[in-house]
Amino acid sequence: MSETHALPEYYDGSGLYEIRIKGHLYDRWADRFDGLTITLEENGDTLLTGPVMDQAALHGLLKKVRDLGMPLVSVNFVNPGRAKTQEVKS
């Protein structure tokens, strides 16, 4: 079971995000994601982590992932008070 929480009216979408994609991102593409930390994980995924200014910027990043042709696994907003996101499974 998942929970839904309303966002405050002033929320503009800025914050820290983790974008997980299937496959390892080659070094030549790293400059497309300037400002994000790129972590190549042992399971073969790539984790892009970093600040995103607003929803428009987030959609721009997702468009770049789409243009690479790499499957998008997940997009998570990271609570600034936590080092890592927590997944809730039912």
N, C-alpha and C. Protein backbone atom coordinates (compact mmCIF):
# COMPACT_ATOMS: atom_id res chain seq x y z
N MET A 1 0.84 -1.16 0.00
CA MET A 1 0.00 0.00 0.00
C MET A 1 0.89 1.23 0.00
N SER A 2 0.56 2.19 -0.83
CA SER A 2 1.36 3.41 -0.87
C SER A 2 0.57 4.56 -0.27
N GLU A 3 1.31 5.55 0.21
CA GLU A 3 0.69 6.72 0.80
C GLU A 3 0.86 7.90 -0.14
N THR A 4 -0.13 8.78 -0.17
CA THR A 4 -0.06 9.99 -0.97
C THR A 4 -0.13 11.18 -0.04
N HIS A 5 0.78 12.11 -0.22
CA HIS A 5 0.81 13.32 0.59
C HIS A 5 0.71 14.53 -0.32
N ALA A 6 -0.11 15.48 0.03
CA ALA A 6 -0.23 16.71 -0.74
C ALA A 6 1.01 17.56 -0.53
N LEU A 7 1.47 18.18 -1.60
CA LEU A 7 2.62 19.06 -1.52
C LEU A 7 2.14 20.47 -1.17
N PRO A 8 2.94 21.23 -0.46
CA PRO A 8 2.56 22.61 -0.14
C PRO A 8 2.39 23.42 -1.43
N GLU A 9 1.55 24.44 -1.38
CA GLU A 9 1.29 25.29 -2.55
C GLU A 9 2.55 25.93 -3.09
N TYR A 10 3.50 26.25 -2.23
CA TYR A 10 4.71 26.95 -2.64
C TYR A 10 5.76 26.02 -3.23
N TYR A 11 5.53 24.72 -3.23
CA TYR A 11 6.52 23.77 -3.72
C TYR A 11 6.74 23.98 -5.21
N ASP A 12 7.97 24.21 -5.61
CA ASP A 12 8.27 24.48 -7.01
C ASP A 12 8.98 23.32 -7.70
N GLY A 13 9.18 22.21 -7.01
CA GLY A 13 9.84 21.05 -7.62
C GLY A 13 11.34 21.05 -7.46
N SER A 14 11.91 22.07 -6.84
CA SER A 14 13.36 22.08 -6.66
C SER A 14 13.74 21.12 -5.55
N GLY A 15 14.94 20.64 -5.62
CA GLY A 15 15.42 19.73 -4.59
C GLY A 15 16.45 18.78 -5.13
N LEU A 16 16.75 17.79 -4.35
CA LEU A 16 17.73 16.79 -4.70
C LEU A 16 17.01 15.57 -5.25
N TYR A 17 17.46 15.07 -6.39
CA TYR A 17 16.82 13.93 -7.03
C TYR A 17 17.83 12.83 -7.31
N GLU A 18 17.32 11.60 -7.34
CA GLU A 18 18.08 10.44 -7.81
C GLU A 18 17.34 9.90 -9.03
N ILE A 19 18.06 9.79 -10.13
CA ILE A 19 17.51 9.24 -11.36
C ILE A 19 18.29 7.98 -11.67
N ARG A 20 17.60 6.85 -11.69
CA ARG A 20 18.25 5.56 -11.95
C ARG A 20 17.92 5.11 -13.36
N ILE A 21 18.96 4.75 -14.13
CA ILE A 21 18.76 4.25 -15.48
C ILE A 21 19.42 2.88 -15.62
N LYS A 22 18.85 2.08 -16.50
CA LYS A 22 19.36 0.72 -16.74
C LYS A 22 20.56 0.80 -17.67
N GLY A 23 21.67 0.25 -17.24
CA GLY A 23 22.90 0.26 -18.02
C GLY A 23 23.87 1.30 -17.50
N HIS A 24 25.12 1.13 -17.87
CA HIS A 24 26.15 2.08 -17.46
C HIS A 24 26.27 3.18 -18.49
N LEU A 25 26.34 4.40 -18.00
CA LEU A 25 26.46 5.58 -18.84
C LEU A 25 27.93 5.75 -19.21
N TYR A 26 28.22 5.79 -20.50
CA TYR A 26 29.60 5.96 -20.96
C TYR A 26 30.10 7.35 -20.60
N ASP A 27 31.41 7.46 -20.37
CA ASP A 27 32.03 8.72 -19.97
C ASP A 27 31.73 9.86 -20.95
N ARG A 28 31.62 9.55 -22.23
CA ARG A 28 31.41 10.60 -23.22
C ARG A 28 30.08 11.33 -23.03
N TRP A 29 29.12 10.73 -22.31
CA TRP A 29 27.82 11.34 -22.08
C TRP A 29 27.76 12.11 -20.75
N ALA A 30 28.79 12.01 -19.95
CA ALA A 30 28.78 12.63 -18.62
C ALA A 30 28.57 14.14 -18.67
N ASP A 31 29.11 14.80 -19.69
CA ASP A 31 28.97 16.26 -19.76
C ASP A 31 27.51 16.70 -19.98
N ARG A 32 26.67 15.82 -20.49
CA ARG A 32 25.24 16.14 -20.66
C ARG A 32 24.54 16.31 -19.31
N PHE A 33 25.10 15.70 -18.28
CA PHE A 33 24.49 15.73 -16.95
C PHE A 33 25.37 16.50 -15.98
N ASP A 34 25.94 17.59 -16.46
CA ASP A 34 26.82 18.43 -15.66
C ASP A 34 26.12 18.85 -14.37
N GLY A 35 26.82 18.72 -13.26
CA GLY A 35 26.24 19.08 -11.97
C GLY A 35 25.66 17.91 -11.22
N LEU A 36 25.45 16.80 -11.91
CA LEU A 36 24.94 15.60 -11.24
C LEU A 36 26.08 14.63 -11.00
N THR A 37 26.01 13.94 -9.89
CA THR A 37 26.98 12.89 -9.59
C THR A 37 26.55 11.63 -10.33
N ILE A 38 27.48 11.01 -11.04
CA ILE A 38 27.18 9.80 -11.79
C ILE A 38 27.84 8.63 -11.09
N THR A 39 27.02 7.67 -10.66
CA THR A 39 27.52 6.48 -9.98
C THR A 39 27.17 5.26 -10.80
N LEU A 40 28.19 4.49 -11.20
CA LEU A 40 27.97 3.23 -11.91
C LEU A 40 27.85 2.14 -10.86
N GLU A 41 26.69 1.52 -10.79
CA GLU A 41 26.44 0.53 -9.75
C GLU A 41 26.81 -0.87 -10.22
N GLU A 42 27.07 -1.73 -9.25
CA GLU A 42 27.49 -3.11 -9.55
C GLU A 42 26.44 -3.90 -10.30
N ASN A 43 25.17 -3.56 -10.10
CA ASN A 43 24.09 -4.30 -10.77
C ASN A 43 23.90 -3.88 -12.22
N GLY A 44 24.73 -2.95 -12.70
CA GLY A 44 24.66 -2.52 -14.08
C GLY A 44 23.88 -1.24 -14.30
N ASP A 45 23.27 -0.69 -13.25
CA ASP A 45 22.52 0.56 -13.36
C ASP A 45 23.46 1.75 -13.19
N THR A 46 22.97 2.91 -13.64
CA THR A 46 23.65 4.18 -13.40
C THR A 46 22.74 5.03 -12.54
N LEU A 47 23.29 5.65 -11.52
CA LEU A 47 22.54 6.52 -10.64
C LEU A 47 23.03 7.95 -10.83
N LEU A 48 22.12 8.84 -11.24
CA LEU A 48 22.41 10.26 -11.37
C LEU A 48 21.83 10.95 -10.16
N THR A 49 22.64 11.65 -9.39
CA THR A 49 22.18 12.29 -8.16
C THR A 49 22.63 13.75 -8.14
N GLY A 50 21.71 14.62 -7.74
CA GLY A 50 22.10 16.02 -7.61
C GLY A 50 20.92 16.95 -7.52
N PRO A 51 21.23 18.23 -7.37
CA PRO A 51 20.16 19.23 -7.25
C PRO A 51 19.51 19.50 -8.60
N VAL A 52 18.20 19.72 -8.56
CA VAL A 52 17.43 20.06 -9.75
C VAL A 52 16.64 21.32 -9.40
N MET A 53 16.75 22.34 -10.22
CA MET A 53 16.18 23.66 -9.93
C MET A 53 14.65 23.65 -9.83
N ASP A 54 13.99 22.96 -10.75
CA ASP A 54 12.53 22.98 -10.78
C ASP A 54 12.03 21.84 -11.66
N GLN A 55 10.72 21.74 -11.81
CA GLN A 55 10.14 20.66 -12.60
C GLN A 55 10.55 20.73 -14.06
N ALA A 56 10.70 21.93 -14.60
CA ALA A 56 11.13 22.07 -15.99
C ALA A 56 12.53 21.49 -16.18
N ALA A 57 13.42 21.74 -15.23
CA ALA A 57 14.77 21.19 -15.29
C ALA A 57 14.74 19.67 -15.16
N LEU A 58 13.87 19.16 -14.29
CA LEU A 58 13.74 17.71 -14.13
C LEU A 58 13.28 17.07 -15.43
N HIS A 59 12.30 17.67 -16.07
CA HIS A 59 11.81 17.13 -17.34
C HIS A 59 12.89 17.20 -18.42
N GLY A 60 13.72 18.25 -18.37
CA GLY A 60 14.84 18.34 -19.29
C GLY A 60 15.84 17.21 -19.10
N LEU A 61 16.11 16.87 -17.84
CA LEU A 61 17.01 15.74 -17.55
C LEU A 61 16.41 14.43 -18.05
N LEU A 62 15.13 14.25 -17.81
CA LEU A 62 14.46 13.02 -18.25
C LEU A 62 14.44 12.92 -19.77
N LYS A 63 14.34 14.05 -20.44
CA LYS A 63 14.39 14.07 -21.90
C LYS A 63 15.78 13.61 -22.38
N LYS A 64 16.83 14.05 -21.68
CA LYS A 64 18.18 13.62 -22.03
C LYS A 64 18.34 12.12 -21.86
N VAL A 65 17.77 11.57 -20.78
CA VAL A 65 17.82 10.11 -20.56
C VAL A 65 17.10 9.41 -21.71
N ARG A 66 15.92 9.92 -22.07
CA ARG A 66 15.16 9.34 -23.18
C ARG A 66 15.97 9.36 -24.46
N ASP A 67 16.64 10.48 -24.73
CA ASP A 67 17.42 10.62 -25.96
C ASP A 67 18.60 9.66 -26.02
N LEU A 68 19.09 9.22 -24.86
CA LEU A 68 20.18 8.24 -24.83
C LEU A 68 19.68 6.85 -25.20
N GLY A 69 18.38 6.64 -25.08
CA GLY A 69 17.82 5.32 -25.39
C GLY A 69 18.02 4.32 -24.27
N MET A 70 18.32 4.81 -23.08
CA MET A 70 18.53 3.94 -21.92
C MET A 70 17.24 3.89 -21.11
N PRO A 71 16.82 2.70 -20.69
CA PRO A 71 15.57 2.60 -19.92
C PRO A 71 15.66 3.32 -18.58
N LEU A 72 14.62 4.09 -18.28
CA LEU A 72 14.49 4.78 -17.00
C LEU A 72 13.95 3.79 -15.98
N VAL A 73 14.65 3.63 -14.87
CA VAL A 73 14.23 2.70 -13.82
C VAL A 73 13.40 3.43 -12.77
N SER A 74 13.91 4.58 -12.29
CA SER A 74 13.19 5.31 -11.25
C SER A 74 13.66 6.75 -11.16
N VAL A 75 12.78 7.58 -10.61
CA VAL A 75 13.09 8.97 -10.29
C VAL A 75 12.60 9.18 -8.86
N ASN A 76 13.51 9.60 -7.98
CA ASN A 76 13.16 9.78 -6.57
C ASN A 76 13.59 11.15 -6.07
N PHE A 77 12.68 11.81 -5.37
CA PHE A 77 13.00 13.03 -4.66
C PHE A 77 13.68 12.61 -3.37
N VAL A 78 14.82 13.21 -3.07
CA VAL A 78 15.57 12.86 -1.87
C VAL A 78 15.30 13.91 -0.81
N ASN A 79 14.83 13.47 0.32
CA ASN A 79 14.61 14.36 1.45
C ASN A 79 15.96 14.93 1.85
N PRO A 80 16.11 16.26 1.87
CA PRO A 80 17.42 16.85 2.18
C PRO A 80 18.03 16.38 3.50
N GLY A 81 17.22 15.91 4.44
CA GLY A 81 17.72 15.47 5.73
C GLY A 81 18.23 14.04 5.72
N ARG A 82 18.10 13.35 4.58
CA ARG A 82 18.54 11.96 4.50
C ARG A 82 19.63 11.82 3.46
N ALA A 83 20.54 10.89 3.71
CA ALA A 83 21.64 10.66 2.75
C ALA A 83 21.15 9.88 1.55
N LYS A 84 20.24 8.96 1.75
CA LYS A 84 19.72 8.12 0.68
C LYS A 84 18.19 8.09 0.79
N THR A 85 17.55 7.83 -0.34
CA THR A 85 16.11 7.69 -0.30
C THR A 85 15.77 6.32 0.27
N GLN A 86 14.56 6.21 0.76
CA GLN A 86 14.09 4.93 1.26
C GLN A 86 12.92 4.49 0.40
N GLU A 87 12.97 3.26 -0.08
CA GLU A 87 11.88 2.75 -0.88
C GLU A 87 10.88 2.06 0.04
N VAL A 88 9.64 2.31 -0.20
CA VAL A 88 8.59 1.67 0.58
C VAL A 88 7.96 0.59 -0.28
N LYS A 89 8.00 -0.63 0.21
CA LYS A 89 7.42 -1.75 -0.53
C LYS A 89 6.26 -2.31 0.26
N SER A 90 5.24 -2.72 -0.46
CA SER A 90 4.07 -3.29 0.23
C SER A 90 4.05 -4.79 0.10
